[in-house]
Amino acid sequence: MLSVIIESSAVVALVAILVWQSEVVGRCFLRLVVVLWGTTAFGLIHGVTDYLAMIIFSSRDSDTPLGTGYRTVAVITISAILTVIMTLRTPKRGADEEPQVDPRAGSLTLA
């Protein structure tokens, strides 16, 4: 049951953020989706697709095919790397930039 809650809460969180924060578009939306993708890697949908993929590649007859879990680790690692890259490469916006000061302009406090 917890695996289902992880996946569904991520979808609810994504919808809630998009409704209340309508300015989340472009890179911010992509970063949000990547973070949610990584945090739900332990969820039911990710687990079932990982299990089914490993059944296709495994020739052994066992309960848990070899390699199950590699995809989960890969998703978490890729999500973390992409999140760091997208966070560090975020362009500065007008409000975040320091105001341009003309060095020739005099100071009003020194007069």
Protein backbone atom coordinates (compact mmCIF):
# COMPACT_ATOMS: atom_id res chain seq x y z
CA MET A 1 0.00 0.00 0.00
CA LEU A 2 2.86 2.37 0.78
CA SER A 3 4.25 1.92 -2.75
CA VAL A 4 0.96 3.12 -4.23
CA ILE A 5 0.85 6.11 -1.88
CA ILE A 6 4.35 7.19 -2.95
CA GLU A 7 3.39 7.31 -6.63
CA SER A 8 -0.02 8.91 -6.11
CA SER A 9 1.27 11.56 -3.70
CA ALA A 10 3.84 12.63 -6.30
CA VAL A 11 1.09 13.14 -8.88
CA VAL A 12 -1.03 15.06 -6.36
CA ALA A 13 1.99 17.20 -5.41
CA LEU A 14 2.74 17.97 -9.07
CA VAL A 15 -0.86 19.02 -9.74
CA ALA A 16 -1.03 21.10 -6.54
CA ILE A 17 2.21 22.92 -7.36
CA LEU A 18 1.04 23.66 -10.90
CA VAL A 19 -2.30 25.00 -9.64
CA TRP A 20 -0.94 27.23 -6.87
CA GLN A 21 2.32 28.23 -8.52
CA SER A 22 1.33 28.99 -12.09
CA GLU A 23 4.72 30.61 -12.80
CA VAL A 24 6.37 27.17 -12.63
CA VAL A 25 7.05 26.63 -16.33
CA GLY A 26 10.00 25.65 -18.45
CA ARG A 27 13.15 24.70 -16.54
CA CYS A 28 11.43 24.90 -13.14
CA PHE A 29 8.74 22.46 -14.28
CA LEU A 30 11.35 20.13 -15.77
CA ARG A 31 13.38 20.24 -12.54
CA LEU A 32 10.23 19.48 -10.53
CA VAL A 33 9.39 16.48 -12.71
CA VAL A 34 12.95 15.13 -12.48
CA VAL A 35 12.96 15.45 -8.68
CA LEU A 36 9.59 13.71 -8.41
CA TRP A 37 10.79 11.00 -10.80
CA GLY A 38 13.76 10.30 -8.56
CA THR A 39 11.84 10.39 -5.30
CA THR A 40 9.22 7.95 -6.54
CA ALA A 41 11.79 5.40 -7.71
CA PHE A 42 10.74 3.13 -4.85
CA GLY A 43 7.08 3.29 -5.85
CA LEU A 44 4.90 0.53 -7.26
CA ILE A 45 4.97 1.59 -10.91
CA HIS A 46 8.76 1.88 -10.97
CA GLY A 47 9.12 -1.42 -9.10
CA VAL A 48 6.82 -3.34 -11.42
CA THR A 49 8.49 -2.00 -14.56
CA ASP A 50 11.90 -2.83 -13.10
CA TYR A 51 10.77 -6.37 -12.27
CA LEU A 52 9.21 -6.92 -15.72
CA ALA A 53 12.30 -5.58 -17.50
CA MET A 54 14.55 -7.94 -15.55
CA ILE A 55 12.26 -10.91 -16.28
CA ILE A 56 12.72 -10.21 -20.00
CA PHE A 57 16.53 -10.17 -19.66
CA SER A 58 16.82 -13.06 -17.19
CA SER A 59 17.01 -16.66 -18.34
CA ARG A 60 16.88 -18.10 -14.81
CA ASP A 61 13.71 -19.37 -13.21
CA SER A 62 13.65 -17.59 -9.84
CA ASP A 63 11.32 -15.46 -7.78
CA THR A 64 13.40 -12.33 -8.15
CA PRO A 65 15.40 -12.09 -11.37
CA LEU A 66 19.02 -11.06 -11.25
CA GLY A 67 19.53 -7.35 -11.73
CA THR A 68 16.28 -6.27 -10.12
CA GLY A 69 16.99 -2.98 -8.41
CA TYR A 70 19.68 -1.77 -10.79
CA ARG A 71 17.15 0.35 -12.62
CA THR A 72 15.96 1.91 -9.35
CA VAL A 73 19.52 2.86 -8.42
CA ALA A 74 20.07 4.25 -11.91
CA VAL A 75 16.89 6.36 -11.74
CA ILE A 76 17.86 7.82 -8.37
CA THR A 77 21.42 8.56 -9.53
CA ILE A 78 20.37 10.12 -12.83
CA SER A 79 17.69 12.18 -11.08
CA ALA A 80 20.19 13.50 -8.54
CA ILE A 81 22.75 14.39 -11.21
CA LEU A 82 20.17 16.13 -13.41
CA THR A 83 18.79 18.05 -10.43
CA VAL A 84 22.24 19.35 -9.51
CA ILE A 85 23.03 20.28 -13.12
CA MET A 86 19.72 22.08 -13.64
CA THR A 87 20.04 23.90 -10.32
CA LEU A 88 23.57 25.11 -11.00
CA ARG A 89 22.82 26.17 -14.57
CA THR A 90 19.69 28.16 -13.76
CA PRO A 91 19.99 31.58 -15.42
CA LYS A 92 19.73 34.64 -13.20
CA ARG A 93 16.50 36.55 -13.41
CA GLY A 94 16.04 40.31 -13.26
CA ALA A 95 15.08 40.33 -9.58
CA ASP A 96 18.06 38.14 -8.64
CA GLU A 97 20.66 40.23 -10.43
CA GLU A 98 22.44 43.06 -8.69
CA PRO A 99 21.56 46.51 -10.00
CA GLN A 100 24.02 48.04 -12.41
CA VAL A 101 25.79 51.01 -10.84
CA ASP A 102 27.41 53.67 -12.96
CA PRO A 103 30.91 54.25 -11.55
CA ARG A 104 30.79 57.89 -12.74
CA ALA A 105 27.69 58.60 -10.67
CA GLY A 106 28.36 60.51 -7.48
CA SER A 107 27.21 59.44 -4.07
CA LEU A 108 24.38 61.38 -2.50
CA THR A 109 25.62 60.67 1.02
CA LEU A 110 29.04 62.29 0.47
CA ALA A 111 27.64 65.72 -0.50
